[in-house]
């Protein structure tokens, strides 16, 4: 629900879709919408959890991930190299 409220606040500031605040809120609740930054964080979290299960990375600090052999690599580079495989 906090993500939905954050989405609604952004929608009201930017007038996404030109809909009434009530319509935006109802649609956000039904569809589980999140503000863009929350979606990005969620995607990174999902990727990191997957990569850790696959033993591609062992840790993350900020925008850097660490491989099992201790190499520090930029997060975006690793995400590019190893897209999520489901």
PDB file of N, CA and C in Angstrom:
ATOM      1  N   UNK A   1       0.806  -1.204   0.000  1.00  0.00           N
ATOM      2  CA  UNK A   1       0.000   0.000   0.000  1.00  0.00           C
ATOM      3  C   UNK A   1       0.857   1.280   0.000  1.00  0.00           C
ATOM      4  N   UNK A   2       1.996   1.310   0.702  1.00  0.00           N
ATOM      5  CA  UNK A   2       2.818   2.526   0.647  1.00  0.00           C
ATOM      6  C   UNK A   2       3.259   2.858  -0.774  1.00  0.00           C
ATOM      7  N   UNK A   3       3.555   1.810  -1.599  1.00  0.00           N
ATOM      8  CA  UNK A   3       3.944   2.065  -2.982  1.00  0.00           C
ATOM      9  C   UNK A   3       2.790   2.663  -3.771  1.00  0.00           C
ATOM     10  N   UNK A   4       1.588   2.193  -3.503  1.00  0.00           N
ATOM     11  CA  UNK A   4       0.406   2.722  -4.198  1.00  0.00           C
ATOM     12  C   UNK A   4       0.194   4.184  -3.852  1.00  0.00           C
ATOM     13  N   UNK A   5       0.367   4.523  -2.593  1.00  0.00           N
ATOM     14  CA  UNK A   5       0.205   5.921  -2.166  1.00  0.00           C
ATOM     15  C   UNK A   5       1.290   6.787  -2.790  1.00  0.00           C
ATOM     16  N   UNK A   6       2.522   6.285  -2.840  1.00  0.00           N
ATOM     17  CA  UNK A   6       3.609   7.035  -3.479  1.00  0.00           C
ATOM     18  C   UNK A   6       3.305   7.244  -4.958  1.00  0.00           C
ATOM     19  N   UNK A   7       2.765   6.212  -5.616  1.00  0.00           N
ATOM     20  CA  UNK A   7       2.388   6.335  -7.024  1.00  0.00           C
ATOM     21  C   UNK A   7       1.314   7.410  -7.192  1.00  0.00           C
ATOM     22  N   UNK A   8       0.328   7.381  -6.302  1.00  0.00           N
ATOM     23  CA  UNK A   8      -0.760   8.365  -6.373  1.00  0.00           C
ATOM     24  C   UNK A   8      -0.226   9.776  -6.204  1.00  0.00           C
ATOM     25  N   UNK A   9       0.667   9.977  -5.253  1.00  0.00           N
ATOM     26  CA  UNK A   9       1.240  11.313  -5.038  1.00  0.00           C
ATOM     27  C   UNK A   9       1.955  11.801  -6.287  1.00  0.00           C
ATOM     28  N   UNK A  10       2.756  10.911  -6.907  1.00  0.00           N
ATOM     29  CA  UNK A  10       3.461  11.303  -8.124  1.00  0.00           C
ATOM     30  C   UNK A  10       2.467  11.590  -9.242  1.00  0.00           C
ATOM     31  N   UNK A  11       1.441  10.758  -9.371  1.00  0.00           N
ATOM     32  CA  UNK A  11       0.439  10.948 -10.413  1.00  0.00           C
ATOM     33  C   UNK A  11      -0.256  12.298 -10.250  1.00  0.00           C
ATOM     34  N   UNK A  12      -0.538  12.669  -9.015  1.00  0.00           N
ATOM     35  CA  UNK A  12      -1.211  13.948  -8.774  1.00  0.00           C
ATOM     36  C   UNK A  12      -0.290  15.124  -9.093  1.00  0.00           C
ATOM     37  N   UNK A  13       1.006  14.964  -8.781  1.00  0.00           N
ATOM     38  CA  UNK A  13       1.957  16.044  -9.082  1.00  0.00           C
ATOM     39  C   UNK A  13       2.139  16.212 -10.576  1.00  0.00           C
ATOM     40  N   UNK A  14       2.171  15.108 -11.301  1.00  0.00           N
ATOM     41  CA  UNK A  14       2.464  15.169 -12.731  1.00  0.00           C
ATOM     42  C   UNK A  14       1.224  15.037 -13.606  1.00  0.00           C
ATOM     43  N   UNK A  15       0.094  14.763 -12.983  1.00  0.00           N
ATOM     44  CA  UNK A  15      -1.189  14.591 -13.689  1.00  0.00           C
ATOM     45  C   UNK A  15      -1.110  13.504 -14.738  1.00  0.00           C
ATOM     46  N   UNK A  16      -0.611  12.336 -14.335  1.00  0.00           N
ATOM     47  CA  UNK A  16      -0.521  11.188 -15.226  1.00  0.00           C
ATOM     48  C   UNK A  16      -1.923  10.791 -15.683  1.00  0.00           C
ATOM     49  N   UNK A  17      -2.118  10.725 -16.974  1.00  0.00           N
ATOM     50  CA  UNK A  17      -3.368  10.228 -17.538  1.00  0.00           C
ATOM     51  C   UNK A  17      -4.520  11.220 -17.517  1.00  0.00           C
ATOM     52  N   UNK A  18      -4.415  12.325 -16.810  1.00  0.00           N
ATOM     53  CA  UNK A  18      -5.482  13.306 -16.768  1.00  0.00           C
ATOM     54  C   UNK A  18      -6.736  12.820 -16.076  1.00  0.00           C
ATOM     55  N   UNK A  19      -6.659  11.711 -15.334  1.00  0.00           N
ATOM     56  CA  UNK A  19      -7.821  11.173 -14.645  1.00  0.00           C
ATOM     57  C   UNK A  19      -8.006  11.863 -13.295  1.00  0.00           C
ATOM     58  N   UNK A  20      -9.164  11.648 -12.707  1.00  0.00           N
ATOM     59  CA  UNK A  20      -9.421  12.195 -11.378  1.00  0.00           C
ATOM     60  C   UNK A  20      -8.532  11.468 -10.372  1.00  0.00           C
ATOM     61  N   UNK A  21      -8.221  12.111  -9.241  1.00  0.00           N
ATOM     62  CA  UNK A  21      -7.402  11.441  -8.218  1.00  0.00           C
ATOM     63  C   UNK A  21      -8.016  10.126  -7.750  1.00  0.00           C
ATOM     64  N   UNK A  22      -9.338  10.085  -7.654  1.00  0.00           N
ATOM     65  CA  UNK A  22     -10.012   8.865  -7.218  1.00  0.00           C
ATOM     66  C   UNK A  22      -9.807   7.731  -8.225  1.00  0.00           C
ATOM     67  N   UNK A  23      -9.919   8.044  -9.506  1.00  0.00           N
ATOM     68  CA  UNK A  23      -9.748   7.028 -10.548  1.00  0.00           C
ATOM     69  C   UNK A  23      -8.311   6.520 -10.572  1.00  0.00           C
ATOM     70  N   UNK A  24      -7.356   7.432 -10.392  1.00  0.00           N
ATOM     71  CA  UNK A  24      -5.947   7.031 -10.359  1.00  0.00           C
ATOM     72  C   UNK A  24      -5.698   6.116  -9.167  1.00  0.00           C
ATOM     73  N   UNK A  25      -6.262   6.459  -8.011  1.00  0.00           N
ATOM     74  CA  UNK A  25      -6.068   5.657  -6.799  1.00  0.00           C
ATOM     75  C   UNK A  25      -6.664   4.265  -6.958  1.00  0.00           C
ATOM     76  N   UNK A  26      -7.879   4.181  -7.466  1.00  0.00           N
ATOM     77  CA  UNK A  26      -8.533   2.893  -7.645  1.00  0.00           C
ATOM     78  C   UNK A  26      -7.739   2.025  -8.622  1.00  0.00           C
ATOM     79  N   UNK A  27      -7.307   2.603  -9.729  1.00  0.00           N
ATOM     80  CA  UNK A  27      -6.526   1.847 -10.714  1.00  0.00           C
ATOM     81  C   UNK A  27      -5.200   1.398 -10.111  1.00  0.00           C
ATOM     82  N   UNK A  28      -4.550   2.267  -9.338  1.00  0.00           N
ATOM     83  CA  UNK A  28      -3.269   1.921  -8.712  1.00  0.00           C
ATOM     84  C   UNK A  28      -3.439   0.768  -7.731  1.00  0.00           C
ATOM     85  N   UNK A  29      -4.523   0.772  -6.973  1.00  0.00           N
ATOM     86  CA  UNK A  29      -4.784  -0.316  -6.023  1.00  0.00           C
ATOM     87  C   UNK A  29      -5.055  -1.626  -6.751  1.00  0.00           C
ATOM     88  N   UNK A  30      -5.894  -1.571  -7.775  1.00  0.00           N
ATOM     89  CA  UNK A  30      -6.259  -2.778  -8.511  1.00  0.00           C
ATOM     90  C   UNK A  30      -5.058  -3.392  -9.229  1.00  0.00           C
ATOM     91  N   UNK A  31      -4.205  -2.529  -9.781  1.00  0.00           N
ATOM     92  CA  UNK A  31      -3.096  -3.004 -10.608  1.00  0.00           C
ATOM     93  C   UNK A  31      -1.780  -3.106  -9.843  1.00  0.00           C
ATOM     94  N   UNK A  32      -1.780  -2.697  -8.578  1.00  0.00           N
ATOM     95  CA  UNK A  32      -0.555  -2.766  -7.785  1.00  0.00           C
ATOM     96  C   UNK A  32       0.535  -1.859  -8.313  1.00  0.00           C
ATOM     97  N   UNK A  33       0.159  -0.711  -8.835  1.00  0.00           N
ATOM     98  CA  UNK A  33       1.139   0.206  -9.411  1.00  0.00           C
ATOM     99  C   UNK A  33       2.085   0.737  -8.344  1.00  0.00           C
ATOM    100  N   UNK A  34       3.317   0.985  -8.775  1.00  0.00           N
ATOM    101  CA  UNK A  34       4.340   1.539  -7.896  1.00  0.00           C
ATOM    102  C   UNK A  34       4.999   2.698  -8.608  1.00  0.00           C
ATOM    103  N   UNK A  35       5.570   3.639  -7.853  1.00  0.00           N
ATOM    104  CA  UNK A  35       6.316   4.698  -8.519  1.00  0.00           C
ATOM    105  C   UNK A  35       7.509   4.077  -9.239  1.00  0.00           C
ATOM    106  N   UNK A  36       7.993   4.740 -10.268  1.00  0.00           N
ATOM    107  CA  UNK A  36       9.056   4.179 -11.092  1.00  0.00           C
ATOM    108  C   UNK A  36      10.275   3.773 -10.267  1.00  0.00           C
ATOM    109  N   UNK A  37      10.697   4.586  -9.326  1.00  0.00           N
ATOM    110  CA  UNK A  37      11.884   4.257  -8.533  1.00  0.00           C
ATOM    111  C   UNK A  37      11.665   2.985  -7.723  1.00  0.00           C
ATOM    112  N   UNK A  38      10.454   2.751  -7.242  1.00  0.00           N
ATOM    113  CA  UNK A  38      10.156   1.531  -6.493  1.00  0.00           C
ATOM    114  C   UNK A  38      10.220   0.320  -7.420  1.00  0.00           C
ATOM    115  N   UNK A  39       9.794   0.492  -8.670  1.00  0.00           N
ATOM    116  CA  UNK A  39       9.850  -0.604  -9.628  1.00  0.00           C
ATOM    117  C   UNK A  39      11.299  -0.968  -9.937  1.00  0.00           C
ATOM    118  N   UNK A  40      12.140   0.055 -10.076  1.00  0.00           N
ATOM    119  CA  UNK A  40      13.557  -0.187 -10.353  1.00  0.00           C
ATOM    120  C   UNK A  40      14.203  -0.895  -9.180  1.00  0.00           C
ATOM    121  N   UNK A  41      13.952  -0.424  -7.965  1.00  0.00           N
ATOM    122  CA  UNK A  41      14.519  -1.062  -6.774  1.00  0.00           C
ATOM    123  C   UNK A  41      14.054  -2.502  -6.668  1.00  0.00           C
ATOM    124  N   UNK A  42      12.798  -2.739  -6.979  1.00  0.00           N
ATOM    125  CA  UNK A  42      12.256  -4.089  -6.925  1.00  0.00           C
ATOM    126  C   UNK A  42      12.942  -4.984  -7.947  1.00  0.00           C
ATOM    127  N   UNK A  43      13.191  -4.473  -9.151  1.00  0.00           N
ATOM    128  CA  UNK A  43      13.852  -5.250 -10.196  1.00  0.00           C
ATOM    129  C   UNK A  43      15.279  -5.587  -9.789  1.00  0.00           C
ATOM    130  N   UNK A  44      15.988  -4.640  -9.187  1.00  0.00           N
ATOM    131  CA  UNK A  44      17.350  -4.883  -8.725  1.00  0.00           C
ATOM    132  C   UNK A  44      17.341  -5.922  -7.611  1.00  0.00           C
ATOM    133  N   UNK A  45      16.419  -5.786  -6.688  1.00  0.00           N
ATOM    134  CA  UNK A  45      16.318  -6.747  -5.583  1.00  0.00           C
ATOM    135  C   UNK A  45      16.043  -8.148  -6.119  1.00  0.00           C
ATOM    136  N   UNK A  46      15.105  -8.256  -7.044  1.00  0.00           N
ATOM    137  CA  UNK A  46      14.779  -9.555  -7.629  1.00  0.00           C
ATOM    138  C   UNK A  46      15.987 -10.146  -8.339  1.00  0.00           C
ATOM    139  N   UNK A  47      16.702  -9.312  -9.129  1.00  0.00           N
ATOM    140  CA  UNK A  47      17.877  -9.794  -9.834  1.00  0.00           C
ATOM    141  C   UNK A  47      18.937 -10.249  -8.840  1.00  0.00           C
ATOM    142  N   UNK A  48      19.201  -9.456  -7.809  1.00  0.00           N
ATOM    143  CA  UNK A  48      20.237  -9.807  -6.839  1.00  0.00           C
ATOM    144  C   UNK A  48      19.903 -11.122  -6.132  1.00  0.00           C
ATOM    145  N   UNK A  49      18.669 -11.287  -5.731  1.00  0.00           N
ATOM    146  CA  UNK A  49      18.274 -12.535  -5.062  1.00  0.00           C
ATOM    147  C   UNK A  49      18.478 -13.732  -5.991  1.00  0.00           C
ATOM    148  N   UNK A  50      18.103 -13.570  -7.269  1.00  0.00           N
ATOM    149  CA  UNK A  50      18.315 -14.632  -8.246  1.00  0.00           C
ATOM    150  C   UNK A  50      19.806 -14.912  -8.420  1.00  0.00           C
ATOM    151  N   UNK A  51      20.613 -13.865  -8.615  1.00  0.00           N
ATOM    152  CA  UNK A  51      22.047 -14.023  -8.845  1.00  0.00           C
ATOM    153  C   UNK A  51      22.737 -14.654  -7.633  1.00  0.00           C
ATOM    154  N   UNK A  52      22.279 -14.332  -6.450  1.00  0.00           N
ATOM    155  CA  UNK A  52      22.863 -14.929  -5.251  1.00  0.00           C
ATOM    156  C   UNK A  52      22.517 -16.420  -5.153  1.00  0.00           C
ATOM    157  N   UNK A  53      21.275 -16.760  -5.475  1.00  0.00           N
ATOM    158  CA  UNK A  53      20.885 -18.184  -5.479  1.00  0.00           C
ATOM    159  C   UNK A  53      21.715 -18.982  -6.491  1.00  0.00           C
ATOM    160  N   UNK A  54      22.016 -18.333  -7.620  1.00  0.00           N
ATOM    161  CA  UNK A  54      22.805 -18.979  -8.679  1.00  0.00           C
ATOM    162  C   UNK A  54      24.312 -18.905  -8.410  1.00  0.00           C
ATOM    163  N   UNK A  55      24.688 -18.271  -7.309  1.00  0.00           N
ATOM    164  CA  UNK A  55      26.096 -18.104  -6.900  1.00  0.00           C
ATOM    165  C   UNK A  55      26.910 -17.296  -7.898  1.00  0.00           C
ATOM    166  N   UNK A  56      26.242 -16.342  -8.523  1.00  0.00           N
ATOM    167  CA  UNK A  56      26.911 -15.418  -9.436  1.00  0.00           C
ATOM    168  C   UNK A  56      27.518 -14.284  -8.621  1.00  0.00           C
ATOM    169  N   UNK A  57      26.809 -13.866  -7.585  1.00  0.00           N
ATOM    170  CA  UNK A  57      27.284 -12.815  -6.673  1.00  0.00           C
ATOM    171  C   UNK A  57      27.106 -13.303  -5.240  1.00  0.00           C
ATOM    172  N   UNK A  58      27.861 -12.663  -4.347  1.00  0.00           N
ATOM    173  CA  UNK A  58      27.720 -13.029  -2.930  1.00  0.00           C
ATOM    174  C   UNK A  58      27.293 -11.854  -2.068  1.00  0.00           C
ATOM    175  N   UNK A  59      27.494 -10.630  -2.573  1.00  0.00           N
ATOM    176  CA  UNK A  59      27.141  -9.455  -1.776  1.00  0.00           C
ATOM    177  C   UNK A  59      26.935  -8.262  -2.694  1.00  0.00           C
ATOM    178  N   UNK A  60      26.296  -7.225  -2.132  1.00  0.00           N
ATOM    179  CA  UNK A  60      26.079  -5.980  -2.866  1.00  0.00           C
ATOM    180  C   UNK A  60      26.233  -4.821  -1.898  1.00  0.00           C
ATOM    181  N   UNK A  61      26.878  -3.772  -2.375  1.00  0.00           N
ATOM    182  CA  UNK A  61      27.014  -2.546  -1.601  1.00  0.00           C
ATOM    183  C   UNK A  61      26.796  -1.380  -2.547  1.00  0.00           C
ATOM    184  N   UNK A  62      25.689  -0.689  -2.357  1.00  0.00           N
ATOM    185  CA  UNK A  62      25.363   0.424  -3.249  1.00  0.00           C
ATOM    186  C   UNK A  62      25.162  -0.072  -4.662  1.00  0.00           C
ATOM    187  N   UNK A  63      25.962   0.415  -5.593  1.00  0.00           N
ATOM    188  CA  UNK A  63      25.867   0.049  -7.006  1.00  0.00           C
ATOM    189  C   UNK A  63      26.950  -0.937  -7.410  1.00  0.00           C
ATOM    190  N   UNK A  64      27.526  -1.651  -6.442  1.00  0.00           N
ATOM    191  CA  UNK A  64      28.592  -2.613  -6.712  1.00  0.00           C
ATOM    192  C   UNK A  64      28.192  -3.967  -6.160  1.00  0.00           C
ATOM    193  N   UNK A  65      28.443  -5.024  -6.946  1.00  0.00           N
ATOM    194  CA  UNK A  65      28.229  -6.390  -6.469  1.00  0.00           C
ATOM    195  C   UNK A  65      29.579  -7.090  -6.415  1.00  0.00           C
ATOM    196  N   UNK A  66      29.630  -8.120  -5.591  1.00  0.00           N
ATOM    197  CA  UNK A  66      30.868  -8.869  -5.408  1.00  0.00           C
ATOM    198  C   UNK A  66      30.654 -10.309  -5.830  1.00  0.00           C
ATOM    199  N   UNK A  67      31.585 -10.793  -6.639  1.00  0.00           N
ATOM    200  CA  UNK A  67      31.522 -12.169  -7.124  1.00  0.00           C
ATOM    201  C   UNK A  67      32.106 -13.104  -6.068  1.00  0.00           C
ATOM    202  N   UNK A  68      31.878 -14.399  -6.209  1.00  0.00           N
ATOM    203  CA  UNK A  68      32.424 -15.344  -5.228  1.00  0.00           C
ATOM    204  C   UNK A  68      33.954 -15.292  -5.097  1.00  0.00           C
ATOM    205  N   UNK A  69      34.652 -14.862  -6.158  1.00  0.00           N
ATOM    206  CA  UNK A  69      36.112 -14.765  -6.065  1.00  0.00           C
ATOM    207  C   UNK A  69      36.578 -13.391  -5.556  1.00  0.00           C
ATOM    208  N   UNK A  70      35.623 -12.560  -5.102  1.00  0.00           N
ATOM    209  CA  UNK A  70      35.958 -11.280  -4.486  1.00  0.00           C
ATOM    210  C   UNK A  70      36.055 -10.101  -5.435  1.00  0.00           C
ATOM    211  N   UNK A  71      35.776 -10.304  -6.704  1.00  0.00           N
ATOM    212  CA  UNK A  71      35.833  -9.222  -7.675  1.00  0.00           C
ATOM    213  C   UNK A  71      34.654  -8.261  -7.471  1.00  0.00           C
ATOM    214  N   UNK A  72      34.937  -6.962  -7.468  1.00  0.00           N
ATOM    215  CA  UNK A  72      33.904  -5.931  -7.366  1.00  0.00           C
ATOM    216  C   UNK A  72      33.538  -5.488  -8.785  1.00  0.00           C
ATOM    217  N   UNK A  73      32.237  -5.571  -9.114  1.00  0.00           N
ATOM    218  CA  UNK A  73      31.760  -5.227 -10.455  1.00  0.00           C
ATOM    219  C   UNK A  73      30.551  -4.314 -10.313  1.00  0.00           C
ATOM    220  N   UNK A  74      30.444  -3.337 -11.209  1.00  0.00           N
ATOM    221  CA  UNK A  74      29.284  -2.444 -11.170  1.00  0.00           C
ATOM    222  C   UNK A  74      28.006  -3.259 -11.375  1.00  0.00           C
ATOM    223  N   UNK A  75      27.000  -2.928 -10.603  1.00  0.00           N
ATOM    224  CA  UNK A  75      25.721  -3.634 -10.634  1.00  0.00           C
ATOM    225  C   UNK A  75      25.136  -3.685 -12.037  1.00  0.00           C
ATOM    226  N   UNK A  76      25.083  -2.559 -12.731  1.00  0.00           N
ATOM    227  CA  UNK A  76      24.470  -2.520 -14.061  1.00  0.00           C
ATOM    228  C   UNK A  76      25.207  -3.416 -15.045  1.00  0.00           C
ATOM    229  N   UNK A  77      26.530  -3.488 -14.922  1.00  0.00           N
ATOM    230  CA  UNK A  77      27.317  -4.367 -15.792  1.00  0.00           C
ATOM    231  C   UNK A  77      26.961  -5.826 -15.543  1.00  0.00           C
ATOM    232  N   UNK A  78      26.861  -6.207 -14.287  1.00  0.00           N
ATOM    233  CA  UNK A  78      26.502  -7.592 -13.964  1.00  0.00           C
ATOM    234  C   UNK A  78      25.080  -7.916 -14.414  1.00  0.00           C
ATOM    235  N   UNK A  79      24.172  -6.960 -14.257  1.00  0.00           N
ATOM    236  CA  UNK A  79      22.802  -7.190 -14.707  1.00  0.00           C
ATOM    237  C   UNK A  79      22.763  -7.338 -16.227  1.00  0.00           C
ATOM    238  N   UNK A  80      23.633  -6.615 -16.920  1.00  0.00           N
ATOM    239  CA  UNK A  80      23.704  -6.738 -18.371  1.00  0.00           C
ATOM    240  C   UNK A  80      24.273  -8.111 -18.754  1.00  0.00           C
ATOM    241  N   UNK A  81      25.335  -8.535 -18.071  1.00  0.00           N
ATOM    242  CA  UNK A  81      25.963  -9.817 -18.369  1.00  0.00           C
ATOM    243  C   UNK A  81      25.070 -11.003 -18.054  1.00  0.00           C
ATOM    244  N   UNK A  82      24.387 -10.905 -16.912  1.00  0.00           N
ATOM    245  CA  UNK A  82      23.598 -12.026 -16.416  1.00  0.00           C
ATOM    246  C   UNK A  82      22.162 -11.607 -16.195  1.00  0.00           C
ATOM    247  N   UNK A  83      21.389 -11.548 -17.265  1.00  0.00           N
ATOM    248  CA  UNK A  83      19.970 -11.259 -17.132  1.00  0.00           C
ATOM    249  C   UNK A  83      19.298 -12.371 -16.359  1.00  0.00           C
ATOM    250  N   UNK A  84      18.180 -12.080 -15.746  1.00  0.00           N
ATOM    251  CA  UNK A  84      17.482 -13.087 -14.952  1.00  0.00           C
ATOM    252  C   UNK A  84      17.016 -14.212 -15.859  1.00  0.00           C
ATOM    253  N   UNK A  85      17.348 -15.431 -15.488  1.00  0.00           N
ATOM    254  CA  UNK A  85      16.916 -16.629 -16.210  1.00  0.00           C
ATOM    255  C   UNK A  85      15.902 -17.339 -15.334  1.00  0.00           C
ATOM    256  N   UNK A  86      14.671 -17.448 -15.772  1.00  0.00           N
ATOM    257  CA  UNK A  86      13.642 -18.091 -14.945  1.00  0.00           C
ATOM    258  C   UNK A  86      13.421 -19.514 -15.338  1.00  0.00           C
TER     259      UNK A  86
END
